[in-house]
C-alpha atoms as a PDB file:
ATOM      1  CA  MET A   1     206.556 135.925 359.088  1.00  0.00           C
ATOM      2  CA  ARG A   2     207.731 132.503 360.272  1.00  0.00           C
ATOM      3  CA  MET A   3     204.537 131.965 362.280  1.00  0.00           C
ATOM      4  CA  MET A   4     202.438 133.237 359.381  1.00  0.00           C
ATOM      5  CA  ARG A   5     204.251 130.806 357.049  1.00  0.00           C
ATOM      6  CA  ARG A   6     203.388 127.869 359.325  1.00  0.00           C
ATOM      7  CA  GLU A   7     199.755 128.973 359.638  1.00  0.00           C
ATOM      8  CA  ILE A   8     199.421 129.378 355.869  1.00  0.00           C
ATOM      9  CA  LEU A   9     201.036 126.013 355.167  1.00  0.00           C
ATOM     10  CA  GLY A  10     198.774 124.498 357.826  1.00  0.00           C
ATOM     11  CA  LEU A  11     195.780 125.770 355.859  1.00  0.00           C
ATOM     12  CA  GLY A  12     196.965 123.813 352.844  1.00  0.00           C
ATOM     13  CA  LEU A  13     198.071 126.807 350.784  1.00  0.00           C
ATOM     14  CA  SER A  14     201.076 126.242 348.558  1.00  0.00           C
ATOM     15  CA  ALA A  15     204.452 127.766 349.289  1.00  0.00           C
ATOM     16  CA  THR A  16     204.264 129.626 345.962  1.00  0.00           C
ATOM     17  CA  MET A  17     201.402 131.693 347.374  1.00  0.00           C
ATOM     18  CA  LEU A  18     203.462 132.958 350.300  1.00  0.00           C
ATOM     19  CA  PRO A  19     204.903 136.071 348.617  1.00  0.00           C
ATOM     20  CA  ALA A  20     201.430 137.189 347.519  1.00  0.00           C
ATOM     21  CA  MET A  21     199.984 136.493 350.963  1.00  0.00           C
ATOM     22  CA  ALA A  22     202.836 138.382 352.634  1.00  0.00           C
ATOM     23  CA  GLN A  23     202.227 141.325 350.290  1.00  0.00           C
ATOM     24  CA  VAL A  24     198.564 141.488 351.286  1.00  0.00           C
ATOM     25  CA  ALA A  25     199.377 141.003 354.966  1.00  0.00           C
ATOM     26  CA  GLN A  26     201.801 143.945 354.884  1.00  0.00           C
ATOM     27  CA  GLY A  27     199.265 146.256 353.218  1.00  0.00           C
ATOM     28  CA  GLN A  28     201.091 146.356 349.906  1.00  0.00           C
ATOM     29  CA  PRO A  29     199.241 147.110 346.662  1.00  0.00           C
ATOM     30  CA  ARG A  30     197.374 144.224 345.038  1.00  0.00           C
ATOM     31  CA  LEU A  31     198.208 144.197 341.338  1.00  0.00           C
ATOM     32  CA  ILE A  32     195.543 143.182 338.873  1.00  0.00           C
ATOM     33  CA  GLU A  33     197.437 144.194 335.738  1.00  0.00           C
ATOM     34  CA  ARG A  34     201.054 144.733 334.856  1.00  0.00           C
ATOM     35  CA  PHE A  35     200.521 144.342 331.078  1.00  0.00           C
ATOM     36  CA  ALA A  36     202.907 141.383 330.916  1.00  0.00           C
ATOM     37  CA  MET A  37     200.775 138.521 329.560  1.00  0.00           C
ATOM     38  CA  GLN A  38     198.771 139.358 326.422  1.00  0.00           C
ATOM     39  CA  PRO A  39     197.031 142.478 327.776  1.00  0.00           C
ATOM     40  CA  GLU A  40     195.228 142.939 324.461  1.00  0.00           C
ATOM     41  CA  THR A  41     193.037 139.952 325.358  1.00  0.00           C
ATOM     42  CA  GLY A  42     191.662 141.581 328.518  1.00  0.00           C
ATOM     43  CA  TRP A  43     191.492 145.286 327.792  1.00  0.00           C
ATOM     44  CA  ARG A  44     188.764 146.736 325.586  1.00  0.00           C
ATOM     45  CA  PHE A  45     188.891 150.148 323.946  1.00  0.00           C
ATOM     46  CA  PHE A  46     185.832 152.098 322.962  1.00  0.00           C
ATOM     47  CA  THR A  47     184.676 155.634 322.356  1.00  0.00           C
ATOM     48  CA  ASP A  48     181.475 157.622 322.540  1.00  0.00           C
ATOM     49  CA  ASN A  49     180.762 156.358 318.985  1.00  0.00           C
ATOM     50  CA  VAL A  50     178.673 153.663 320.698  1.00  0.00           C
ATOM     51  CA  MET A  51     176.141 156.412 321.505  1.00  0.00           C
ATOM     52  CA  GLY A  52     176.541 158.634 318.439  1.00  0.00           C
ATOM     53  CA  GLY A  53     179.556 160.696 319.536  1.00  0.00           C
ATOM     54  CA  VAL A  54     182.501 161.506 317.282  1.00  0.00           C
ATOM     55  CA  SER A  55     185.546 161.029 319.545  1.00  0.00           C
ATOM     56  CA  THR A  56     188.368 158.972 318.040  1.00  0.00           C
ATOM     57  CA  GLY A  57     191.330 157.109 319.450  1.00  0.00           C
ATOM     58  CA  GLN A  58     193.205 153.894 319.922  1.00  0.00           C
ATOM     59  CA  LEU A  59     194.742 151.621 322.512  1.00  0.00           C
ATOM     60  CA  ALA A  60     198.185 150.160 321.912  1.00  0.00           C
ATOM     61  CA  PHE A  61     200.685 148.241 324.022  1.00  0.00           C
ATOM     62  CA  ALA A  62     204.350 149.228 324.013  1.00  0.00           C
ATOM     63  CA  GLN A  63     207.523 148.135 325.729  1.00  0.00           C
ATOM     64  CA  GLU A  64     210.010 150.416 327.406  1.00  0.00           C
ATOM     65  CA  ASP A  65     212.894 149.473 329.686  1.00  0.00           C
ATOM     66  CA  GLY A  66     211.719 145.856 329.639  1.00  0.00           C
ATOM     67  CA  GLN A  67     208.201 146.692 330.847  1.00  0.00           C
ATOM     68  CA  THR A  68     204.998 146.677 328.835  1.00  0.00           C
ATOM     69  CA  HIS A  69     202.456 149.440 329.254  1.00  0.00           C
ATOM     70  CA  ALA A  70     199.168 150.491 327.683  1.00  0.00           C
ATOM     71  CA  ARG A  71     198.978 153.730 325.708  1.00  0.00           C
ATOM     72  CA  MET A  72     195.617 155.313 325.028  1.00  0.00           C
ATOM     73  CA  THR A  73     195.593 158.212 322.581  1.00  0.00           C
ATOM     74  CA  GLY A  74     192.909 160.100 320.746  1.00  0.00           C
ATOM     75  CA  ARG A  75     190.778 163.153 320.302  1.00  0.00           C
ATOM     76  CA  VAL A  76     187.887 163.622 322.727  1.00  0.00           C
ATOM     77  CA  SER A  77     185.011 165.635 321.259  1.00  0.00           C
ATOM     78  CA  THR A  78     181.819 166.738 322.982  1.00  0.00           C
ATOM     79  CA  ALA A  79     180.101 167.192 319.605  1.00  0.00           C
ATOM     80  CA  ASN A  80     176.958 165.132 319.091  1.00  0.00           C
ATOM     81  CA  ARG A  81     176.508 164.764 322.874  1.00  0.00           C
ATOM     82  CA  GLY A  82     179.692 162.691 323.151  1.00  0.00           C
ATOM     83  CA  GLY A  83     182.851 163.216 325.102  1.00  0.00           C
ATOM     84  CA  PHE A  84     184.919 160.137 325.982  1.00  0.00           C
ATOM     85  CA  ILE A  85     187.409 157.476 325.011  1.00  0.00           C
ATOM     86  CA  GLN A  86     188.249 154.687 327.402  1.00  0.00           C
ATOM     87  CA  MET A  87     190.164 151.480 328.042  1.00  0.00           C
ATOM     88  CA  ARG A  88     188.354 148.991 330.284  1.00  0.00           C
ATOM     89  CA  LEU A  89     189.278 145.765 332.033  1.00  0.00           C
ATOM     90  CA  ASP A  90     186.563 143.425 333.306  1.00  0.00           C
ATOM     91  CA  LEU A  91     187.694 141.847 336.570  1.00  0.00           C
ATOM     92  CA  ASP A  92     187.717 138.128 337.245  1.00  0.00           C
ATOM     93  CA  ASN A  93     187.332 138.882 340.965  1.00  0.00           C
ATOM     94  CA  SER A  94     186.231 141.965 342.857  1.00  0.00           C
ATOM     95  CA  PRO A  95     188.811 143.594 345.104  1.00  0.00           C
ATOM     96  CA  PRO A  96     188.910 142.323 348.681  1.00  0.00           C
ATOM     97  CA  GLU A  97     186.472 144.124 350.986  1.00  0.00           C
ATOM     98  CA  ASP A  98     189.360 145.638 352.958  1.00  0.00           C
ATOM     99  CA  SER A  99     190.705 147.431 349.861  1.00  0.00           C
ATOM    100  CA  GLU A 100     190.839 151.190 350.196  1.00  0.00           C
ATOM    101  CA  GLY A 101     191.098 152.254 346.565  1.00  0.00           C
ATOM    102  CA  VAL A 102     192.542 151.957 343.081  1.00  0.00           C
ATOM    103  CA  ARG A 103     196.273 152.270 342.442  1.00  0.00           C
ATOM    104  CA  LEU A 104     197.763 153.190 339.049  1.00  0.00           C
ATOM    105  CA  ILE A 105     201.251 153.837 337.716  1.00  0.00           C
ATOM    106  CA  VAL A 106     200.671 156.409 334.954  1.00  0.00           C
ATOM    107  CA  ARG A 107     202.129 159.200 332.866  1.00  0.00           C
ATOM    108  CA  GLY A 108     200.706 161.377 330.127  1.00  0.00           C
ATOM    109  CA  ASN A 109     200.311 164.766 328.539  1.00  0.00           C
ATOM    110  CA  ASP A 110     199.761 166.912 331.655  1.00  0.00           C
ATOM    111  CA  GLN A 111     195.988 166.471 331.519  1.00  0.00           C
ATOM    112  CA  ARG A 112     193.218 165.293 333.828  1.00  0.00           C
ATOM    113  CA  TYR A 113     191.904 161.753 333.347  1.00  0.00           C
ATOM    114  CA  PHE A 114     189.389 159.612 335.198  1.00  0.00           C
ATOM    115  CA  VAL A 115     188.910 156.133 336.544  1.00  0.00           C
ATOM    116  CA  HIS A 116     185.439 154.691 336.091  1.00  0.00           C
ATOM    117  CA  LEU A 117     184.409 151.705 338.176  1.00  0.00           C
ATOM    118  CA  ARG A 118     181.444 149.569 337.296  1.00  0.00           C
ATOM    119  CA  THR A 119     179.813 147.395 339.937  1.00  0.00           C
ATOM    120  CA  THR A 120     177.174 144.719 340.203  1.00  0.00           C
ATOM    121  CA  GLY A 121     174.716 147.639 340.590  1.00  0.00           C
ATOM    122  CA  THR A 122     175.706 149.507 337.401  1.00  0.00           C
ATOM    123  CA  VAL A 123     173.444 147.934 334.824  1.00  0.00           C
ATOM    124  CA  LEU A 124     172.976 150.742 332.289  1.00  0.00           C
ATOM    125  CA  PRO A 125     175.892 151.935 330.078  1.00  0.00           C
ATOM    126  CA  TRP A 126     175.929 155.435 331.590  1.00  0.00           C
ATOM    127  CA  GLN A 127     176.149 154.160 335.159  1.00  0.00           C
ATOM    128  CA  TYR A 128     179.559 154.098 336.858  1.00  0.00           C
ATOM    129  CA  TYR A 129     181.501 155.593 339.755  1.00  0.00           C
ATOM    130  CA  GLN A 130     184.108 158.203 338.814  1.00  0.00           C
ATOM    131  CA  VAL A 131     187.110 160.038 340.214  1.00  0.00           C
ATOM    132  CA  GLY A 132     189.617 162.277 338.420  1.00  0.00           C
ATOM    133  CA  PHE A 133     193.412 162.367 338.598  1.00  0.00           C
ATOM    134  CA  ASP A 134     196.150 164.366 336.899  1.00  0.00           C
ATOM    135  CA  VAL A 135     199.155 163.007 335.020  1.00  0.00           C
ATOM    136  CA  THR A 136     202.551 164.469 334.137  1.00  0.00           C
ATOM    137  CA  ARG A 137     205.211 163.408 331.649  1.00  0.00           C
ATOM    138  CA  ARG A 138     206.911 161.276 334.337  1.00  0.00           C
ATOM    139  CA  TRP A 139     205.750 157.917 335.648  1.00  0.00           C
ATOM    140  CA  ALA A 140     203.958 158.430 338.958  1.00  0.00           C
ATOM    141  CA  GLU A 141     201.702 156.525 341.309  1.00  0.00           C
ATOM    142  CA  ALA A 142     198.072 157.604 341.621  1.00  0.00           C
ATOM    143  CA  ARG A 143     196.142 156.312 344.643  1.00  0.00           C
ATOM    144  CA  LEU A 144     192.418 156.920 344.304  1.00  0.00           C
ATOM    145  CA  ALA A 145     190.421 156.206 347.455  1.00  0.00           C
ATOM    146  CA  PHE A 146     187.100 154.423 346.985  1.00  0.00           C
ATOM    147  CA  SER A 147     185.545 157.119 349.201  1.00  0.00           C
ATOM    148  CA  ALA A 148     186.430 159.729 346.535  1.00  0.00           C
ATOM    149  CA  PHE A 149     184.484 157.984 343.736  1.00  0.00           C
ATOM    150  CA  ARG A 150     181.139 159.598 342.940  1.00  0.00           C
ATOM    151  CA  PRO A 151     178.154 157.973 341.220  1.00  0.00           C
ATOM    152  CA  ALA A 152     177.398 159.209 337.694  1.00  0.00           C
ATOM    153  CA  SER A 153     173.702 158.439 338.062  1.00  0.00           C
ATOM    154  CA  ARG A 154     171.117 159.265 340.714  1.00  0.00           C
ATOM    155  CA  LEU A 155     169.947 155.666 340.541  1.00  0.00           C
ATOM    156  CA  LEU A 156     173.199 154.413 342.125  1.00  0.00           C
ATOM    157  CA  ARG A 157     174.138 154.072 345.768  1.00  0.00           C
ATOM    158  CA  ALA A 158     175.865 157.186 347.138  1.00  0.00           C
ATOM    159  CA  SER A 159     179.035 155.205 347.820  1.00  0.00           C
ATOM    160  CA  LEU A 160     180.353 152.054 346.213  1.00  0.00           C
ATOM    161  CA  ARG A 161     181.130 148.793 347.953  1.00  0.00           C
ATOM    162  CA  PRO A 162     184.642 147.575 347.020  1.00  0.00           C
ATOM    163  CA  GLY A 163     183.498 143.959 346.915  1.00  0.00           C
ATOM    164  CA  SER A 164     180.975 144.782 344.162  1.00  0.00           C
ATOM    165  CA  VAL A 165     183.457 146.244 341.621  1.00  0.00           C
ATOM    166  CA  THR A 166     183.334 144.379 338.296  1.00  0.00           C
ATOM    167  CA  SER A 167     185.509 146.532 336.008  1.00  0.00           C
ATOM    168  CA  VAL A 168     188.125 149.287 335.992  1.00  0.00           C
ATOM    169  CA  ALA A 169     188.400 151.844 333.179  1.00  0.00           C
ATOM    170  CA  VAL A 170     190.865 154.640 332.470  1.00  0.00           C
ATOM    171  CA  VAL A 171     188.960 157.386 330.685  1.00  0.00           C
ATOM    172  CA  ALA A 172     189.601 160.647 328.842  1.00  0.00           C
ATOM    173  CA  TYR A 173     186.317 162.412 329.469  1.00  0.00           C
ATOM    174  CA  GLY A 174     184.072 165.420 329.464  1.00  0.00           C
ATOM    175  CA  ARG A 175     185.777 168.101 327.381  1.00  0.00           C
ATOM    176  CA  ASP A 176     187.310 168.660 323.956  1.00  0.00           C
ATOM    177  CA  HIS A 177     190.985 167.703 324.152  1.00  0.00           C
ATOM    178  CA  ASP A 178     193.780 165.505 322.851  1.00  0.00           C
ATOM    179  CA  ALA A 179     194.324 162.482 325.064  1.00  0.00           C
ATOM    180  CA  GLU A 180     197.597 160.661 325.648  1.00  0.00           C
ATOM    181  CA  ILE A 181     197.962 158.486 328.721  1.00  0.00           C
ATOM    182  CA  ASP A 182     200.255 155.552 329.479  1.00  0.00           C
ATOM    183  CA  VAL A 183     199.343 153.013 332.165  1.00  0.00           C
ATOM    184  CA  ARG A 184     202.006 150.628 333.501  1.00  0.00           C
ATOM    185  CA  GLU A 185     200.230 149.094 336.508  1.00  0.00           C
ATOM    186  CA  VAL A 186     196.664 148.781 337.761  1.00  0.00           C
ATOM    187  CA  GLY A 187     195.727 147.414 341.161  1.00  0.00           C
ATOM    188  CA  PHE A 188     194.143 148.063 344.510  1.00  0.00           C
ATOM    189  CA  PHE A 189     195.567 149.216 347.836  1.00  0.00           C
END
């Protein structure tokens, strides 16, 4: 670490960047959201109403044990060719090319949820890469490898390039059910 510190300082990087650089160098998760600084300004909530569906829901931010988290709740309905509610964050920067996947700290109502990634190649609203994960009533880490994400359109590349990711969404999707999911951290590993 001492040699790394000298090399980093020699590159003109500030000493305040050292903890973040050390975290990356040791393969630790790279946080993009911890819901600490006005998360309501970055996260967007929407439902299948944008395409005529009838799903309903909301996104709220709550505090528990000194930590803020997002809570998405609602009723997902496949009526009218719908079937989703989602919370999405547009990224300022794509994940580093050496990233292996998405990391979440989540809990919920013992259901299956999804992460949708949009990339520079997903132009149409129904284009994204998707992978599912299950939640329990206890906070737990979910690590979702980029290699597990599948394209939702035949017009997309078979596999996504991490450096092309432009947004991350947590989604209740594809079947009639009540959704309740809390998200405390979002990042990459």
